[in-house]
N, C-alpha and C. Protein backbone atom coordinates (compact mmCIF):
# COMPACT_ATOMS: atom_id res chain seq x y z
N UNK A 1 -10.75 -28.57 15.24
CA UNK A 1 -9.89 -27.53 15.67
C UNK A 1 -11.02 -26.16 14.93
N UNK A 2 -10.26 -24.29 14.97
CA UNK A 2 -11.15 -23.62 14.89
C UNK A 2 -10.11 -22.75 14.59
N UNK A 3 -10.53 -22.04 13.43
CA UNK A 3 -9.02 -21.12 13.22
C UNK A 3 -9.83 -19.72 13.02
N UNK A 4 -9.60 -19.11 13.81
CA UNK A 4 -10.16 -17.62 14.43
C UNK A 4 -10.02 -16.64 12.93
N UNK A 5 -11.13 -15.99 12.68
CA UNK A 5 -11.44 -15.01 11.97
C UNK A 5 -10.48 -13.65 12.05
N UNK A 6 -9.25 -12.94 11.83
CA UNK A 6 -8.68 -12.16 12.67
C UNK A 6 -8.42 -11.07 11.21
N UNK A 7 -9.41 -11.13 9.80
CA UNK A 7 -9.33 -9.99 9.14
C UNK A 7 -10.34 -9.03 9.18
N UNK A 8 -9.70 -7.75 8.29
CA UNK A 8 -10.59 -6.45 8.65
C UNK A 8 -10.56 -5.72 9.48
N UNK A 9 -9.41 -6.03 10.58
CA UNK A 9 -8.63 -5.30 11.45
C UNK A 9 -7.74 -4.82 11.38
N UNK A 10 -7.74 -3.45 11.01
CA UNK A 10 -6.57 -2.41 11.06
C UNK A 10 -5.98 -2.31 12.02
N UNK A 11 -4.68 -2.54 12.81
CA UNK A 11 -3.85 -2.13 13.58
C UNK A 11 -2.83 -1.22 12.95
N UNK A 12 -2.47 -0.25 13.54
CA UNK A 12 -1.55 1.04 13.40
C UNK A 12 -0.96 1.81 15.01
N UNK A 13 0.46 1.63 15.08
CA UNK A 13 0.97 1.87 15.91
C UNK A 13 2.43 3.23 15.33
N UNK A 14 2.58 4.18 16.40
CA UNK A 14 3.37 4.81 15.90
C UNK A 14 4.75 4.78 16.79
N UNK A 15 5.84 4.56 16.15
CA UNK A 15 6.92 4.44 17.51
C UNK A 15 8.13 5.27 16.82
N UNK A 16 7.85 6.88 17.57
CA UNK A 16 8.92 7.79 17.04
C UNK A 16 8.43 8.18 15.80
N UNK A 17 9.50 8.12 14.35
CA UNK A 17 9.56 8.21 12.90
C UNK A 17 9.11 7.26 12.43
N UNK A 18 8.61 5.60 12.92
CA UNK A 18 8.01 4.56 12.15
C UNK A 18 6.34 4.30 12.41
N UNK A 19 5.53 4.26 11.72
CA UNK A 19 4.03 3.65 11.27
C UNK A 19 3.82 2.30 11.16
N UNK A 20 3.75 1.76 12.27
CA UNK A 20 3.12 0.68 11.55
C UNK A 20 1.87 -0.33 11.54
N UNK A 21 1.96 -0.47 10.42
CA UNK A 21 0.46 -1.23 10.21
C UNK A 21 0.40 -2.66 10.18
N UNK A 22 -0.75 -3.53 10.67
CA UNK A 22 -0.31 -5.00 10.06
C UNK A 22 -2.47 -5.14 10.02
N UNK A 23 -2.37 -6.25 9.33
CA UNK A 23 -3.42 -6.59 9.08
C UNK A 23 -3.55 -8.04 8.63
N UNK A 24 -4.64 -9.21 9.15
CA UNK A 24 -4.38 -10.31 9.03
C UNK A 24 -5.38 -10.59 7.65
N UNK A 25 -5.18 -10.99 6.54
CA UNK A 25 -6.27 -11.32 5.74
C UNK A 25 -6.13 -12.75 5.31
N UNK A 26 -7.57 -13.06 4.68
CA UNK A 26 -8.35 -14.43 4.67
C UNK A 26 -7.81 -15.18 3.33
N UNK A 27 -6.73 -14.55 2.86
CA UNK A 27 -5.57 -15.46 1.56
C UNK A 27 -4.41 -16.15 1.97
N UNK A 28 -4.25 -17.04 1.56
CA UNK A 28 -2.63 -17.81 2.12
C UNK A 28 -1.39 -16.27 1.03
N UNK A 29 -0.33 -17.17 1.46
CA UNK A 29 0.39 -16.10 1.77
C UNK A 29 1.31 -15.54 0.22
N UNK A 30 1.24 -16.56 -0.57
CA UNK A 30 1.59 -16.65 -2.14
C UNK A 30 0.77 -15.34 -2.62
N UNK A 31 -0.75 -15.70 -2.47
CA UNK A 31 -1.68 -15.06 -3.29
C UNK A 31 -1.67 -13.49 -2.65
N UNK A 32 -1.29 -13.15 -1.29
CA UNK A 32 -1.46 -11.81 -0.61
C UNK A 32 0.12 -11.05 -1.19
N UNK A 33 0.72 -12.08 -1.52
CA UNK A 33 2.52 -11.30 -2.47
C UNK A 33 1.67 -11.24 -4.07
N UNK A 34 0.99 -12.20 -4.59
CA UNK A 34 0.65 -11.84 -6.05
C UNK A 34 -0.05 -10.38 -6.15
N UNK A 35 -1.13 -10.27 -4.95
CA UNK A 35 -1.63 -8.74 -4.72
C UNK A 35 -0.67 -7.66 -5.26
N UNK A 36 0.53 -7.54 -3.88
CA UNK A 36 1.06 -7.18 -4.64
C UNK A 36 2.20 -6.42 -5.56
N UNK A 37 2.56 -7.63 -6.11
CA UNK A 37 3.80 -7.41 -6.91
C UNK A 37 3.16 -7.93 -8.83
N UNK A 38 1.54 -7.79 -8.74
CA UNK A 38 1.71 -7.68 -10.39
C UNK A 38 0.74 -6.55 -10.57
N UNK A 39 0.82 -5.96 -11.49
CA UNK A 39 -0.35 -4.53 -12.20
C UNK A 39 -0.99 -5.28 -12.00
N UNK A 40 -1.87 -6.05 -12.69
CA UNK A 40 -3.56 -6.21 -13.26
C UNK A 40 -4.25 -6.25 -12.15
N UNK A 41 -3.27 -6.83 -10.56
CA UNK A 41 -3.73 -6.55 -8.97
C UNK A 41 -3.79 -5.00 -8.51
N UNK A 42 -2.86 -4.81 -9.03
CA UNK A 42 -2.60 -3.40 -8.08
C UNK A 42 -3.52 -2.42 -9.14
N UNK A 43 -3.68 -2.41 -9.83
CA UNK A 43 -4.51 -1.37 -10.47
C UNK A 43 -6.09 -0.88 -9.43
N UNK A 44 -6.11 -2.84 -9.69
CA UNK A 44 -7.94 -2.88 -9.13
C UNK A 44 -8.19 -3.08 -7.66
N UNK A 45 -7.00 -2.54 -6.72
CA UNK A 45 -6.82 -2.26 -5.55
C UNK A 45 -6.52 -1.16 -4.39
N UNK A 46 -6.00 -1.06 -5.65
CA UNK A 46 -4.55 0.40 -4.20
C UNK A 46 -5.28 1.54 -4.35
N UNK A 47 -6.04 2.21 -5.00
CA UNK A 47 -6.56 3.23 -4.62
C UNK A 47 -7.63 3.30 -3.43
N UNK A 48 -8.13 3.87 -3.00
CA UNK A 48 -9.43 4.22 -2.13
C UNK A 48 -10.60 3.91 -2.86
N UNK A 49 -11.44 4.60 -2.94
CA UNK A 49 -12.61 4.07 -3.12
C UNK A 49 -13.30 5.48 -3.86
N UNK A 50 -13.71 5.84 -4.65
CA UNK A 50 -13.66 6.68 -5.84
C UNK A 50 -12.60 6.69 -6.39
N UNK A 51 -11.56 6.39 -5.95
CA UNK A 51 -10.03 7.02 -7.38
C UNK A 51 -10.34 5.89 -7.84
N UNK A 52 -9.53 6.47 -9.00
CA UNK A 52 -9.09 5.04 -9.90
C UNK A 52 -7.26 4.82 -9.84
N UNK A 53 -7.22 4.00 -10.18
CA UNK A 53 -5.51 3.50 -10.81
C UNK A 53 -5.08 3.38 -11.44
N UNK A 54 -4.10 4.27 -12.50
CA UNK A 54 -3.81 3.97 -13.28
C UNK A 54 -2.12 3.57 -13.52
N UNK A 55 -0.79 3.02 -14.10
CA UNK A 55 -0.03 2.51 -13.69
C UNK A 55 1.21 3.42 -14.89
N UNK A 56 2.10 4.13 -14.77
CA UNK A 56 2.67 4.56 -16.23
C UNK A 56 3.84 3.86 -16.09
N UNK A 57 4.22 2.92 -14.80
CA UNK A 57 5.48 2.16 -15.11
C UNK A 57 5.71 1.08 -14.00
N UNK A 58 6.14 0.21 -14.08
CA UNK A 58 5.90 -0.73 -13.83
C UNK A 58 6.82 -2.07 -13.13
N UNK A 59 7.99 -1.70 -12.54
CA UNK A 59 9.41 -2.65 -13.05
C UNK A 59 9.31 -3.36 -11.88
N UNK A 60 8.65 -4.59 -11.57
CA UNK A 60 8.58 -5.23 -9.46
C UNK A 60 10.45 -5.75 -10.14
N UNK A 61 11.62 -5.57 -9.71
CA UNK A 61 12.54 -5.91 -9.73
C UNK A 61 13.35 -5.29 -8.90
N UNK A 62 14.90 -5.43 -7.66
CA UNK A 62 15.60 -4.59 -7.60
C UNK A 62 16.04 -3.29 -8.41
N UNK A 63 16.01 -2.35 -7.92
CA UNK A 63 16.00 -1.12 -7.97
C UNK A 63 14.93 -0.42 -9.45
N UNK A 64 14.00 -1.69 -9.65
CA UNK A 64 12.91 -1.22 -10.42
C UNK A 64 11.64 -0.38 -9.82
N UNK A 65 10.85 0.63 -11.22
CA UNK A 65 10.10 1.99 -10.35
C UNK A 65 9.08 1.12 -10.99
N UNK A 66 8.13 1.55 -9.75
CA UNK A 66 6.72 1.55 -9.44
C UNK A 66 5.89 3.47 -10.05
N UNK A 67 5.48 3.99 -11.00
CA UNK A 67 5.19 5.52 -11.21
C UNK A 67 3.89 5.29 -11.64
N UNK A 68 2.87 5.18 -10.62
CA UNK A 68 0.75 5.71 -10.54
C UNK A 68 0.88 6.58 -10.20
N UNK A 69 -0.64 6.85 -11.08
CA UNK A 69 -1.43 7.94 -10.56
C UNK A 69 -2.67 7.20 -10.23
N UNK A 70 -3.20 8.43 -9.78
CA UNK A 70 -4.88 8.12 -8.62
C UNK A 70 -5.38 9.12 -9.01
N UNK A 71 -6.38 9.10 -9.24
CA UNK A 71 -7.35 10.11 -9.98
C UNK A 71 -8.61 9.91 -9.45
N UNK A 72 -9.30 11.15 -8.72
CA UNK A 72 -10.37 11.14 -8.14
C UNK A 72 -11.91 11.17 -9.13
N UNK A 73 -12.47 9.67 -9.26
CA UNK A 73 -13.54 9.99 -10.29
C UNK A 73 -15.10 9.98 -9.70
N UNK A 74 -15.05 10.12 -8.58
CA UNK A 74 -16.58 10.57 -7.80
C UNK A 74 -16.96 11.41 -7.47
N UNK A 75 -17.97 12.16 -8.29
CA UNK A 75 -18.59 13.53 -8.14
C UNK A 75 -18.81 13.85 -7.02
N UNK A 76 -18.95 13.24 -5.74
CA UNK A 76 -19.32 13.75 -4.92
C UNK A 76 -18.64 13.44 -3.79
N UNK A 77 -17.59 13.30 -4.28
CA UNK A 77 -16.04 13.96 -2.62
C UNK A 77 -15.36 14.72 -3.27
N UNK A 78 -15.08 15.51 -2.23
CA UNK A 78 -14.17 17.01 -2.56
C UNK A 78 -13.09 16.66 -2.86
N UNK A 79 -12.30 15.76 -3.42
CA UNK A 79 -11.22 15.56 -4.10
C UNK A 79 -11.39 15.62 -5.72
N UNK A 80 -12.93 15.69 -6.27
CA UNK A 80 -13.18 15.32 -7.71
C UNK A 80 -12.47 15.97 -8.49
N UNK A 81 -11.64 14.89 -9.27
CA UNK A 81 -10.98 15.43 -10.09
C UNK A 81 -9.38 15.16 -10.32
N UNK A 82 -9.07 15.30 -8.64
CA UNK A 82 -7.60 15.56 -8.37
C UNK A 82 -7.06 14.03 -8.75
N UNK A 83 -5.85 14.72 -9.41
CA UNK A 83 -5.20 13.47 -9.57
C UNK A 83 -2.98 13.36 -8.05
N UNK A 84 -3.48 12.50 -7.75
CA UNK A 84 -2.29 11.97 -6.44
C UNK A 84 -1.29 11.06 -7.59
N UNK A 85 -0.10 12.01 -7.73
CA UNK A 85 0.87 10.47 -8.29
C UNK A 85 1.74 11.08 -7.15
N UNK A 86 2.65 9.11 -7.79
CA UNK A 86 3.86 8.66 -6.38
C UNK A 86 5.12 7.89 -7.56
N UNK A 87 5.70 7.84 -7.10
CA UNK A 87 6.76 6.90 -7.71
C UNK A 87 7.62 6.39 -6.58
N UNK A 88 7.56 5.04 -6.70
CA UNK A 88 8.44 4.17 -5.39
C UNK A 88 9.57 3.07 -6.42
N UNK A 89 10.65 2.74 -6.11
CA UNK A 89 11.89 2.21 -6.41
C UNK A 89 11.58 0.89 -5.15
N UNK A 90 11.56 -0.25 -6.39
CA UNK A 90 11.77 -1.57 -4.82
C UNK A 90 13.44 -1.67 -4.64
N UNK A 91 13.72 -1.72 -3.60
CA UNK A 91 15.10 -1.93 -3.02
C UNK A 91 15.58 -3.55 -2.95
N UNK A 92 14.19 -4.27 -2.72
CA UNK A 92 14.31 -6.07 -2.43
C UNK A 92 13.42 -6.88 -2.33
N UNK A 93 13.06 -8.11 -3.16
CA UNK A 93 12.39 -8.59 -3.12
C UNK A 93 12.47 -10.00 -2.78
N UNK A 94 11.43 -10.01 -1.68
CA UNK A 94 12.50 -11.14 -1.78
C UNK A 94 10.71 -12.46 -1.59
N UNK A 95 10.35 -13.19 -2.58
CA UNK A 95 9.06 -14.06 -2.89
C UNK A 95 9.11 -14.85 -2.35
N UNK A 96 7.85 -15.44 -1.20
CA UNK A 96 6.41 -14.44 -0.81
C UNK A 96 6.40 -13.98 0.57
N UNK A 97 7.59 -13.47 0.62
CA UNK A 97 7.64 -12.65 1.99
C UNK A 97 8.31 -11.06 2.27
N UNK A 98 8.58 -10.65 2.06
CA UNK A 98 9.19 -9.64 1.87
C UNK A 98 9.15 -8.31 0.70
N UNK A 99 8.76 -7.48 0.49
CA UNK A 99 9.18 -6.13 -0.64
C UNK A 99 9.68 -4.93 0.03
N UNK A 100 10.68 -4.98 -0.09
CA UNK A 100 11.03 -3.29 0.60
C UNK A 100 11.82 -2.50 -0.81
N UNK A 101 10.87 -0.71 -0.54
CA UNK A 101 10.72 -0.33 -1.45
C UNK A 101 11.17 1.42 -0.84
N UNK A 102 11.20 2.55 -1.30
CA UNK A 102 11.15 3.78 -1.33
C UNK A 102 10.20 4.76 -2.09
N UNK A 103 8.78 5.13 -1.10
CA UNK A 103 8.10 5.93 -2.00
C UNK A 103 7.89 6.64 -1.41
N UNK A 104 6.99 7.32 -2.57
CA UNK A 104 7.65 9.46 -2.30
C UNK A 104 6.47 9.76 -3.29
N UNK A 105 5.94 10.52 -3.21
CA UNK A 105 4.99 11.63 -3.90
C UNK A 105 5.83 12.49 -5.05
N UNK A 106 4.85 12.16 -6.08
CA UNK A 106 5.40 12.83 -7.26
C UNK A 106 4.25 13.46 -8.37
N UNK A 107 5.33 13.84 -9.59
CA UNK A 107 4.18 14.68 -10.65
C UNK A 107 4.00 13.61 -11.48
N UNK A 108 3.26 14.53 -12.63
CA UNK A 108 3.41 12.37 -13.69
C UNK A 108 4.31 12.46 -14.18
N UNK A 109 6.04 12.95 -14.13
CA UNK A 109 6.94 12.87 -14.93
C UNK A 109 7.81 12.47 -14.06
N UNK A 110 7.04 11.46 -12.77
CA UNK A 110 8.17 11.19 -11.87
C UNK A 110 8.85 11.59 -11.25
N UNK A 111 8.96 13.15 -10.92
CA UNK A 111 9.91 13.81 -10.55
C UNK A 111 9.27 14.02 -8.65
N UNK A 112 10.65 13.42 -7.85
CA UNK A 112 9.71 13.28 -6.51
C UNK A 112 9.78 14.94 -6.00
N UNK A 113 8.77 14.56 -5.39
CA UNK A 113 8.59 15.98 -4.35
C UNK A 113 8.75 15.79 -3.23
N UNK A 114 9.51 17.23 -3.31
CA UNK A 114 11.09 17.85 -1.94
C UNK A 114 9.35 18.48 -0.71
N UNK A 115 8.40 18.67 -1.18
CA UNK A 115 7.52 19.24 0.17
C UNK A 115 7.13 18.27 0.91
N UNK A 116 6.63 16.96 0.63
CA UNK A 116 6.21 15.70 1.34
C UNK A 116 7.04 14.97 1.58
N UNK A 117 6.43 14.24 2.46
CA UNK A 117 7.58 13.12 2.87
C UNK A 117 7.73 11.92 2.46
N UNK A 118 9.46 11.34 1.71
CA UNK A 118 9.32 10.02 1.60
C UNK A 118 9.14 9.31 2.22
N UNK A 119 8.92 7.60 2.43
CA UNK A 119 8.78 6.32 3.08
C UNK A 119 9.35 5.92 2.71
N UNK A 120 10.46 4.72 3.71
CA UNK A 120 11.23 3.84 3.34
C UNK A 120 10.20 2.59 4.14
N UNK A 121 9.42 1.43 3.28
CA UNK A 121 8.36 1.18 3.12
C UNK A 121 9.47 -0.47 3.50
N UNK A 122 8.62 -1.32 4.17
CA UNK A 122 9.16 -2.55 4.44
C UNK A 122 8.01 -3.92 4.92
N UNK A 123 7.03 -3.80 3.85
CA UNK A 123 6.37 -5.43 3.55
C UNK A 123 6.51 -6.98 3.71
N UNK A 124 6.09 -6.42 5.27
CA UNK A 124 6.45 -8.19 5.48
C UNK A 124 4.89 -9.65 5.38
N UNK A 125 5.36 -10.35 4.57
CA UNK A 125 3.53 -11.55 4.29
C UNK A 125 4.68 -12.28 4.90
N UNK A 126 3.37 -12.25 6.52
CA UNK A 126 3.71 -13.53 7.32
C UNK A 126 2.31 -14.56 7.37
N UNK A 127 2.81 -15.79 6.72
CA UNK A 127 2.24 -17.24 6.66
C UNK A 127 1.64 -17.53 7.81
N UNK A 128 -0.02 -17.74 8.21
CA UNK A 128 -0.73 -18.13 9.59
C UNK A 128 -1.86 -19.44 8.54
N UNK A 129 -1.65 -20.35 8.46
CA UNK A 129 -1.80 -21.35 7.88
C UNK A 129 -2.21 -20.44 6.77
N UNK A 130 -3.99 -20.82 6.12
CA UNK A 130 -4.58 -20.42 5.57
C UNK A 130 -5.10 -19.11 5.39
N UNK A 131 -4.28 -17.93 6.09
CA UNK A 131 -3.91 -16.93 6.76
C UNK A 131 -2.92 -16.16 6.04
N UNK A 132 -3.24 -14.69 5.85
CA UNK A 132 -1.53 -13.99 5.50
C UNK A 132 -1.46 -12.81 6.74
N UNK A 133 -1.02 -12.88 7.93
CA UNK A 133 -0.37 -11.44 8.30
C UNK A 133 0.45 -10.65 7.34
N UNK A 134 -0.68 -9.42 6.99
CA UNK A 134 0.89 -8.53 6.26
C UNK A 134 0.88 -7.37 7.34
N UNK A 135 2.38 -7.03 7.22
CA UNK A 135 2.98 -6.22 8.21
C UNK A 135 3.73 -4.70 7.49
N UNK A 136 3.20 -3.51 7.26
CA UNK A 136 3.39 -2.30 6.07
C UNK A 136 4.40 -1.61 7.58
N UNK A 137 6.20 -1.61 7.45
CA UNK A 137 6.47 -0.74 8.56
C UNK A 137 7.23 0.60 7.60
N UNK A 138 6.26 1.49 7.74
CA UNK A 138 7.00 3.09 7.03
C UNK A 138 7.76 3.66 7.47
N UNK A 139 9.12 3.54 7.25
CA UNK A 139 9.41 4.98 8.01
C UNK A 139 10.14 6.22 7.84
N UNK A 140 10.04 7.41 8.11
CA UNK A 140 10.09 8.84 7.85
C UNK A 140 11.14 9.20 8.14
N UNK A 141 11.01 9.78 7.80
CA UNK A 141 12.53 11.14 8.08
C UNK A 141 12.85 12.00 9.47
N UNK A 142 11.38 11.44 10.04
CA UNK A 142 11.10 12.54 11.49
C UNK A 142 9.09 11.85 11.54
N UNK A 143 9.62 12.00 12.74
CA UNK A 143 8.02 11.90 13.88
C UNK A 143 6.77 12.96 12.87
N UNK A 144 7.83 14.35 13.09
CA UNK A 144 6.50 15.41 12.08
C UNK A 144 6.11 14.86 10.45
N UNK A 145 7.12 13.91 9.90
CA UNK A 145 6.89 13.47 9.08
C UNK A 145 5.53 12.46 8.97
N UNK A 146 5.82 11.98 10.09
CA UNK A 146 4.51 10.61 10.26
C UNK A 146 2.86 11.15 10.62
N UNK A 147 3.29 12.19 11.44
CA UNK A 147 2.23 13.35 11.67
C UNK A 147 1.35 13.44 10.46
N UNK A 148 2.77 14.37 9.58
CA UNK A 148 1.73 15.00 8.20
C UNK A 148 1.28 13.96 7.22
N UNK A 149 1.76 12.45 7.31
CA UNK A 149 0.91 11.82 5.99
C UNK A 149 -0.06 11.07 6.96
N UNK A 150 -0.68 11.27 8.57
CA UNK A 150 -1.54 10.71 9.52
C UNK A 150 -2.83 11.98 9.65
N UNK A 151 -2.38 13.02 8.96
CA UNK A 151 -2.83 14.09 8.72
C UNK A 151 -3.78 14.32 7.16
N UNK A 152 -2.78 13.66 6.80
CA UNK A 152 -3.65 13.49 5.05
C UNK A 152 -4.47 12.66 5.07
N UNK A 153 -4.90 11.83 6.02
CA UNK A 153 -6.29 10.52 5.75
C UNK A 153 -5.04 9.39 5.63
N UNK A 154 -3.70 9.09 5.79
CA UNK A 154 -3.03 7.81 5.35
C UNK A 154 -4.17 6.75 6.11
N UNK A 155 -4.32 6.94 7.35
CA UNK A 155 -4.74 5.36 8.11
C UNK A 155 -6.32 5.15 7.44
N UNK A 156 -7.06 6.26 6.87
CA UNK A 156 -8.81 5.59 6.35
C UNK A 156 -8.42 5.32 4.97
N UNK A 157 -7.13 5.78 4.30
CA UNK A 157 -7.16 5.46 2.45
C UNK A 157 -6.24 3.93 2.96
N UNK A 158 -5.22 4.41 3.50
CA UNK A 158 -5.35 2.34 4.24
C UNK A 158 -6.30 1.27 4.37
N UNK A 159 -7.55 2.25 4.99
CA UNK A 159 -8.46 1.03 5.57
C UNK A 159 -8.83 0.51 4.46
N UNK A 160 -9.44 1.61 3.43
CA UNK A 160 -10.05 1.72 2.17
C UNK A 160 -9.11 0.55 0.83
N UNK A 161 -8.31 0.60 1.48
CA UNK A 161 -8.02 0.35 0.60
C UNK A 161 -7.25 -1.38 0.31
N UNK A 162 -7.09 -2.03 1.97
CA UNK A 162 -6.86 -3.10 2.47
C UNK A 162 -8.76 -3.50 2.29
N UNK A 163 -9.36 -3.24 2.49
CA UNK A 163 -11.24 -3.98 2.31
C UNK A 163 -10.86 -4.09 1.09
N UNK A 164 -10.36 -3.51 0.02
CA UNK A 164 -10.38 -3.41 -1.30
C UNK A 164 -9.54 -4.40 -1.85
N UNK A 165 -8.38 -4.92 -1.56
CA UNK A 165 -7.45 -6.20 -1.16
C UNK A 165 -8.26 -7.25 -0.94
N UNK A 166 -9.01 -6.85 0.38
CA UNK A 166 -9.66 -8.16 0.69
C UNK A 166 -10.44 -9.00 -0.22
N UNK A 167 -11.21 -7.91 -0.62
CA UNK A 167 -12.79 -8.53 -1.69
C UNK A 167 -11.84 -9.03 -3.26
N UNK A 168 -10.54 -8.44 -2.91
CA UNK A 168 -9.48 -8.99 -4.68
C UNK A 168 -9.37 -10.49 -4.27
N UNK A 169 -8.47 -10.63 -3.22
CA UNK A 169 -8.43 -12.05 -2.41
C UNK A 169 -9.05 -12.77 -2.88
N UNK A 170 -10.60 -12.23 -2.60
CA UNK A 170 -11.99 -13.88 -2.01
C UNK A 170 -11.76 -13.83 -3.62
N UNK A 171 -11.86 -13.51 -4.81
CA UNK A 171 -12.05 -13.33 -5.87
C UNK A 171 -10.83 -14.26 -7.06
N UNK A 172 -9.39 -13.35 -5.93
CA UNK A 172 -8.36 -14.91 -7.11
C UNK A 172 -8.48 -16.14 -6.14
N UNK A 173 -9.60 -16.29 -5.14
CA UNK A 173 -8.81 -17.94 -4.68
C UNK A 173 -9.73 -18.51 -5.47
């Protein structure tokens, strides 16, 4: 029996105010879920290349808060020295199948930005033998908000971070 390797292919589609991202990872579902649910793993892959990730607060439980900062440390990048803060509140966790949260841009104190879009995120982890299909369904208040995050480079950022996730998963196996 031949198993097709479908990794490294991010697919995206916009359905009105919803952005759906999918990718299959060459790792079992429990391992992929672990990479999303444990602080020490998130620090290693969440930020795009040339950026570091620090976590100010991480409570992986329903109504728990994840407050984090990505900082550009690559002197060759346009955003060198820039910090991008985020704050997520977990609403539903069904290990190893699903994580639902509301994610927002914030400041260092965790105050949510009113100028930038918030996202209702549902991550679904689908077991496909020894591989896992990750479905990231991001719902925004409007189609304009989807356009805003796409214009900010979200697809490029997710592609970079999910490539780093694939590398981490290979190490974790």
